Amino acid sequence: MPFPIEAIQVDGGSEFKADFETECQRRRIDLFELPPRSPKLNGHVERNNGAWRYEFYASWDLPDDNLDHINRWIDAFADEFNTFRPHQALGGHTPAQYLHSLTAKETPVSHMS
């Protein structure tokens, strides 16, 4: 990320919970766990999951089960999704443009220090 991560919001899934919580503590990143059955509080993640489910997995005839081949397709879709495709929730900007606009508004570090 082009900025320090201060906090992460999770849905409380147990896939890798203990290791993830330990790593967040080690890095001093606040961790916020959403209450069960509350996807409305994590709508941006749900929309992203839907994009991958319906625009990637359901729309493409993926290559064989060779992970290297599949990873190339995943990388290409992620690049298009984040770099070229405008998002309504970001005011018609791509995620890359949105992140750039956030970092462009930061005050540059002084060269005098």
N, C-alpha and C. Protein backbone atom coordinates (compact mmCIF):
# COMPACT_ATOMS: atom_id res chain seq x y z
N MET A 1 0.84 -1.18 0.00
CA MET A 1 0.00 0.00 0.00
C MET A 1 0.89 1.24 0.00
N PRO A 2 0.41 2.30 -0.61
CA PRO A 2 1.21 3.52 -0.65
C PRO A 2 1.12 4.35 0.64
N PHE A 3 0.51 3.79 1.67
CA PHE A 3 0.39 4.46 2.96
C PHE A 3 0.39 3.40 4.05
N PRO A 4 0.72 3.77 5.28
CA PRO A 4 0.74 2.77 6.35
C PRO A 4 -0.67 2.29 6.69
N ILE A 5 -0.79 1.01 6.95
CA ILE A 5 -2.08 0.44 7.34
C ILE A 5 -2.21 0.58 8.85
N GLU A 6 -3.28 1.23 9.29
CA GLU A 6 -3.49 1.47 10.72
C GLU A 6 -4.52 0.51 11.31
N ALA A 7 -5.46 0.05 10.48
CA ALA A 7 -6.52 -0.82 10.98
C ALA A 7 -7.04 -1.70 9.85
N ILE A 8 -7.58 -2.86 10.24
CA ILE A 8 -8.18 -3.80 9.30
C ILE A 8 -9.51 -4.26 9.88
N GLN A 9 -10.50 -4.34 9.01
CA GLN A 9 -11.82 -4.82 9.41
C GLN A 9 -12.01 -6.20 8.82
N VAL A 10 -12.43 -7.17 9.65
CA VAL A 10 -12.62 -8.55 9.19
C VAL A 10 -14.03 -9.02 9.55
N ASP A 11 -14.45 -10.08 8.87
CA ASP A 11 -15.79 -10.60 9.11
C ASP A 11 -15.84 -11.67 10.18
N GLY A 12 -14.73 -11.99 10.78
CA GLY A 12 -14.73 -12.97 11.87
C GLY A 12 -14.59 -14.41 11.42
N GLY A 13 -14.33 -14.65 10.13
CA GLY A 13 -14.12 -16.01 9.66
C GLY A 13 -12.91 -16.63 10.35
N SER A 14 -12.94 -17.93 10.48
CA SER A 14 -11.91 -18.59 11.27
C SER A 14 -10.79 -19.22 10.43
N GLU A 15 -10.71 -18.87 9.14
CA GLU A 15 -9.77 -19.54 8.25
C GLU A 15 -8.33 -19.49 8.78
N PHE A 16 -7.92 -18.35 9.25
CA PHE A 16 -6.54 -18.19 9.72
C PHE A 16 -6.52 -17.20 10.87
N LYS A 17 -7.56 -17.23 11.65
CA LYS A 17 -7.81 -16.20 12.65
C LYS A 17 -6.66 -16.01 13.63
N ALA A 18 -6.19 -17.05 14.27
CA ALA A 18 -5.17 -16.90 15.31
C ALA A 18 -3.88 -16.30 14.75
N ASP A 19 -3.40 -16.83 13.64
CA ASP A 19 -2.17 -16.33 13.04
C ASP A 19 -2.32 -14.88 12.59
N PHE A 20 -3.47 -14.57 12.00
CA PHE A 20 -3.72 -13.21 11.51
C PHE A 20 -3.78 -12.22 12.66
N GLU A 21 -4.49 -12.58 13.72
CA GLU A 21 -4.59 -11.69 14.89
C GLU A 21 -3.21 -11.46 15.51
N THR A 22 -2.43 -12.51 15.60
CA THR A 22 -1.08 -12.39 16.17
C THR A 22 -0.22 -11.46 15.32
N GLU A 23 -0.31 -11.59 14.01
CA GLU A 23 0.49 -10.75 13.12
C GLU A 23 0.04 -9.29 13.19
N CYS A 24 -1.26 -9.06 13.29
CA CYS A 24 -1.75 -7.68 13.44
C CYS A 24 -1.23 -7.06 14.73
N GLN A 25 -1.26 -7.83 15.81
CA GLN A 25 -0.73 -7.33 17.08
C GLN A 25 0.76 -7.01 16.95
N ARG A 26 1.51 -7.90 16.33
CA ARG A 26 2.94 -7.70 16.17
C ARG A 26 3.23 -6.42 15.39
N ARG A 27 2.40 -6.14 14.38
CA ARG A 27 2.62 -4.95 13.55
C ARG A 27 1.89 -3.71 14.07
N ARG A 28 1.23 -3.84 15.21
CA ARG A 28 0.48 -2.75 15.83
C ARG A 28 -0.62 -2.21 14.90
N ILE A 29 -1.35 -3.13 14.29
CA ILE A 29 -2.47 -2.79 13.42
C ILE A 29 -3.75 -3.13 14.17
N ASP A 30 -4.61 -2.13 14.35
CA ASP A 30 -5.89 -2.37 15.02
C ASP A 30 -6.74 -3.31 14.17
N LEU A 31 -7.42 -4.23 14.82
CA LEU A 31 -8.25 -5.22 14.14
C LEU A 31 -9.68 -5.09 14.64
N PHE A 32 -10.61 -4.86 13.72
CA PHE A 32 -12.02 -4.72 14.06
C PHE A 32 -12.79 -5.89 13.46
N GLU A 33 -13.46 -6.64 14.32
CA GLU A 33 -14.24 -7.81 13.87
C GLU A 33 -15.72 -7.45 13.82
N LEU A 34 -16.32 -7.67 12.66
CA LEU A 34 -17.73 -7.37 12.48
C LEU A 34 -18.59 -8.42 13.17
N PRO A 35 -19.80 -8.03 13.58
CA PRO A 35 -20.70 -9.02 14.18
C PRO A 35 -21.14 -10.05 13.14
N PRO A 36 -21.52 -11.25 13.59
CA PRO A 36 -21.97 -12.30 12.65
C PRO A 36 -23.18 -11.85 11.83
N ARG A 37 -23.27 -12.39 10.63
CA ARG A 37 -24.40 -12.17 9.72
C ARG A 37 -24.68 -10.68 9.49
N SER A 38 -23.62 -9.93 9.16
CA SER A 38 -23.79 -8.50 8.90
C SER A 38 -23.02 -8.06 7.65
N PRO A 39 -23.35 -8.68 6.50
CA PRO A 39 -22.62 -8.33 5.28
C PRO A 39 -22.81 -6.86 4.89
N LYS A 40 -23.89 -6.24 5.33
CA LYS A 40 -24.13 -4.83 4.98
C LYS A 40 -23.03 -3.92 5.54
N LEU A 41 -22.37 -4.36 6.61
CA LEU A 41 -21.28 -3.57 7.19
C LEU A 41 -19.96 -3.75 6.44
N ASN A 42 -19.94 -4.69 5.52
CA ASN A 42 -18.73 -4.96 4.75
C ASN A 42 -19.09 -4.99 3.26
N GLY A 43 -19.94 -4.06 2.84
CA GLY A 43 -20.48 -4.07 1.48
C GLY A 43 -19.42 -4.02 0.41
N HIS A 44 -18.35 -3.27 0.62
CA HIS A 44 -17.31 -3.16 -0.41
C HIS A 44 -16.64 -4.51 -0.65
N VAL A 45 -16.48 -5.29 0.40
CA VAL A 45 -15.89 -6.63 0.24
C VAL A 45 -16.88 -7.54 -0.48
N GLU A 46 -18.15 -7.45 -0.11
CA GLU A 46 -19.17 -8.28 -0.76
C GLU A 46 -19.25 -7.95 -2.24
N ARG A 47 -19.17 -6.66 -2.61
CA ARG A 47 -19.20 -6.28 -4.03
C ARG A 47 -17.97 -6.81 -4.76
N ASN A 48 -16.81 -6.73 -4.11
CA ASN A 48 -15.59 -7.26 -4.72
C ASN A 48 -15.70 -8.77 -4.92
N ASN A 49 -16.21 -9.47 -3.92
CA ASN A 49 -16.41 -10.91 -4.06
C ASN A 49 -17.34 -11.22 -5.22
N GLY A 50 -18.39 -10.41 -5.36
CA GLY A 50 -19.32 -10.61 -6.46
C GLY A 50 -18.67 -10.39 -7.82
N ALA A 51 -17.82 -9.37 -7.91
CA ALA A 51 -17.12 -9.11 -9.17
C ALA A 51 -16.27 -10.32 -9.55
N TRP A 52 -15.54 -10.85 -8.58
CA TRP A 52 -14.71 -12.02 -8.89
C TRP A 52 -15.58 -13.22 -9.23
N ARG A 53 -16.66 -13.42 -8.48
CA ARG A 53 -17.50 -14.60 -8.70
C ARG A 53 -18.19 -14.55 -10.07
N TYR A 54 -18.77 -13.38 -10.42
CA TYR A 54 -19.59 -13.31 -11.62
C TYR A 54 -18.84 -12.80 -12.85
N GLU A 55 -17.81 -12.00 -12.66
CA GLU A 55 -17.10 -11.45 -13.81
C GLU A 55 -15.82 -12.23 -14.15
N PHE A 56 -15.34 -13.00 -13.20
CA PHE A 56 -14.12 -13.76 -13.47
C PHE A 56 -14.42 -15.25 -13.53
N TYR A 57 -14.72 -15.84 -12.39
CA TYR A 57 -14.87 -17.30 -12.34
C TYR A 57 -16.02 -17.81 -13.22
N ALA A 58 -17.15 -17.11 -13.24
CA ALA A 58 -18.30 -17.60 -14.01
C ALA A 58 -18.21 -17.23 -15.49
N SER A 59 -17.33 -16.31 -15.84
CA SER A 59 -17.29 -15.80 -17.21
C SER A 59 -16.14 -16.32 -18.05
N TRP A 60 -15.15 -16.91 -17.43
CA TRP A 60 -13.97 -17.33 -18.17
C TRP A 60 -13.79 -18.84 -18.09
N ASP A 61 -13.42 -19.39 -19.21
CA ASP A 61 -13.07 -20.80 -19.26
C ASP A 61 -11.60 -20.91 -18.88
N LEU A 62 -11.36 -21.12 -17.60
CA LEU A 62 -9.99 -21.10 -17.08
C LEU A 62 -9.18 -22.27 -17.62
N PRO A 63 -7.87 -22.09 -17.71
CA PRO A 63 -7.02 -23.18 -18.19
C PRO A 63 -7.04 -24.35 -17.23
N ASP A 64 -6.32 -25.38 -17.58
CA ASP A 64 -6.27 -26.59 -16.76
C ASP A 64 -5.96 -26.27 -15.30
N ASP A 65 -5.75 -27.28 -14.52
CA ASP A 65 -5.54 -27.08 -13.08
C ASP A 65 -4.11 -26.69 -12.73
N ASN A 66 -3.32 -26.27 -13.71
CA ASN A 66 -1.97 -25.82 -13.46
C ASN A 66 -2.03 -24.45 -12.80
N LEU A 67 -1.59 -24.37 -11.55
CA LEU A 67 -1.71 -23.15 -10.77
C LEU A 67 -0.98 -21.96 -11.40
N ASP A 68 0.15 -22.20 -12.03
CA ASP A 68 0.87 -21.10 -12.70
C ASP A 68 0.02 -20.47 -13.80
N HIS A 69 -0.67 -21.30 -14.58
CA HIS A 69 -1.53 -20.78 -15.65
C HIS A 69 -2.70 -19.99 -15.08
N ILE A 70 -3.35 -20.55 -14.07
CA ILE A 70 -4.50 -19.87 -13.46
C ILE A 70 -4.06 -18.55 -12.83
N ASN A 71 -2.90 -18.53 -12.18
CA ASN A 71 -2.42 -17.30 -11.55
C ASN A 71 -2.21 -16.18 -12.57
N ARG A 72 -1.81 -16.52 -13.79
CA ARG A 72 -1.66 -15.50 -14.83
C ARG A 72 -3.00 -14.87 -15.16
N TRP A 73 -4.04 -15.67 -15.24
CA TRP A 73 -5.39 -15.16 -15.51
C TRP A 73 -5.86 -14.28 -14.34
N ILE A 74 -5.61 -14.75 -13.12
CA ILE A 74 -6.01 -13.97 -11.94
C ILE A 74 -5.28 -12.63 -11.94
N ASP A 75 -3.99 -12.63 -12.19
CA ASP A 75 -3.22 -11.39 -12.22
C ASP A 75 -3.74 -10.42 -13.28
N ALA A 76 -4.08 -10.96 -14.45
CA ALA A 76 -4.59 -10.11 -15.53
C ALA A 76 -5.93 -9.49 -15.15
N PHE A 77 -6.83 -10.27 -14.55
CA PHE A 77 -8.13 -9.73 -14.15
C PHE A 77 -7.96 -8.69 -13.05
N ALA A 78 -7.11 -8.97 -12.06
CA ALA A 78 -6.88 -8.02 -10.97
C ALA A 78 -6.28 -6.72 -11.51
N ASP A 79 -5.38 -6.82 -12.47
CA ASP A 79 -4.78 -5.63 -13.07
C ASP A 79 -5.85 -4.79 -13.77
N GLU A 80 -6.70 -5.44 -14.56
CA GLU A 80 -7.76 -4.69 -15.23
C GLU A 80 -8.73 -4.09 -14.22
N PHE A 81 -9.12 -4.86 -13.22
CA PHE A 81 -10.08 -4.42 -12.22
C PHE A 81 -9.56 -3.21 -11.45
N ASN A 82 -8.28 -3.20 -11.13
CA ASN A 82 -7.70 -2.15 -10.29
C ASN A 82 -7.10 -0.98 -11.06
N THR A 83 -6.74 -1.19 -12.32
CA THR A 83 -5.99 -0.16 -13.05
C THR A 83 -6.77 0.48 -14.19
N PHE A 84 -7.66 -0.27 -14.83
CA PHE A 84 -8.33 0.25 -16.02
C PHE A 84 -9.83 0.44 -15.87
N ARG A 85 -10.46 -0.29 -14.97
CA ARG A 85 -11.91 -0.29 -14.87
C ARG A 85 -12.39 0.75 -13.85
N PRO A 86 -13.16 1.76 -14.29
CA PRO A 86 -13.68 2.74 -13.34
C PRO A 86 -14.70 2.09 -12.40
N HIS A 87 -14.76 2.58 -11.17
CA HIS A 87 -15.68 2.07 -10.18
C HIS A 87 -16.62 3.18 -9.74
N GLN A 88 -17.92 2.90 -9.78
CA GLN A 88 -18.92 3.90 -9.41
C GLN A 88 -18.70 4.37 -7.96
N ALA A 89 -18.37 3.45 -7.06
CA ALA A 89 -18.18 3.80 -5.65
C ALA A 89 -16.98 4.72 -5.44
N LEU A 90 -16.09 4.81 -6.42
CA LEU A 90 -14.91 5.67 -6.31
C LEU A 90 -15.06 6.91 -7.20
N GLY A 91 -16.29 7.27 -7.49
CA GLY A 91 -16.54 8.47 -8.29
C GLY A 91 -16.10 8.34 -9.72
N GLY A 92 -16.14 7.13 -10.27
CA GLY A 92 -15.75 6.91 -11.65
C GLY A 92 -14.26 6.74 -11.85
N HIS A 93 -13.51 6.63 -10.76
CA HIS A 93 -12.06 6.41 -10.85
C HIS A 93 -11.75 4.93 -10.70
N THR A 94 -10.59 4.56 -11.16
CA THR A 94 -10.11 3.20 -10.90
C THR A 94 -9.54 3.18 -9.48
N PRO A 95 -9.42 2.01 -8.86
CA PRO A 95 -8.78 1.96 -7.54
C PRO A 95 -7.37 2.56 -7.55
N ALA A 96 -6.62 2.34 -8.62
CA ALA A 96 -5.27 2.90 -8.70
C ALA A 96 -5.32 4.43 -8.72
N GLN A 97 -6.24 5.01 -9.48
CA GLN A 97 -6.38 6.46 -9.51
C GLN A 97 -6.79 7.00 -8.14
N TYR A 98 -7.71 6.28 -7.49
CA TYR A 98 -8.19 6.71 -6.18
C TYR A 98 -7.04 6.71 -5.16
N LEU A 99 -6.25 5.64 -5.12
CA LEU A 99 -5.12 5.58 -4.19
C LEU A 99 -4.10 6.67 -4.51
N HIS A 100 -3.87 6.92 -5.79
CA HIS A 100 -2.93 7.97 -6.17
C HIS A 100 -3.43 9.34 -5.69
N SER A 101 -4.74 9.57 -5.80
CA SER A 101 -5.28 10.86 -5.36
C SER A 101 -5.13 11.02 -3.85
N LEU A 102 -5.22 9.93 -3.10
CA LEU A 102 -5.03 10.01 -1.65
C LEU A 102 -3.59 10.38 -1.31
N THR A 103 -2.65 9.74 -1.96
CA THR A 103 -1.24 10.00 -1.66
C THR A 103 -0.81 11.36 -2.21
N ALA A 104 -1.43 11.84 -3.28
CA ALA A 104 -1.07 13.14 -3.85
C ALA A 104 -1.46 14.28 -2.92
N LYS A 105 -2.48 14.04 -2.08
CA LYS A 105 -2.94 15.08 -1.16
C LYS A 105 -2.08 15.17 0.10
N GLU A 106 -1.20 14.21 0.30
CA GLU A 106 -0.34 14.23 1.48
C GLU A 106 0.72 15.31 1.34
N THR A 107 1.08 15.87 2.45
CA THR A 107 2.16 16.86 2.45
C THR A 107 3.49 16.13 2.26
N PRO A 108 4.28 16.55 1.30
CA PRO A 108 5.56 15.87 1.08
C PRO A 108 6.47 16.02 2.30
N VAL A 109 7.29 15.01 2.53
CA VAL A 109 8.25 15.06 3.61
C VAL A 109 9.30 16.11 3.26
N SER A 110 9.65 16.93 4.22
CA SER A 110 10.61 17.99 3.98
C SER A 110 11.99 17.43 3.69
N HIS A 111 12.67 18.02 2.73
CA HIS A 111 14.05 17.63 2.44
C HIS A 111 15.02 18.27 3.44
N MET A 112 14.49 19.13 4.32
CA MET A 112 15.34 19.83 5.29
C MET A 112 15.59 19.02 6.56
N SER A 113 14.84 17.91 6.75
CA SER A 113 15.01 17.16 8.00
C SER A 113 16.21 16.27 8.00
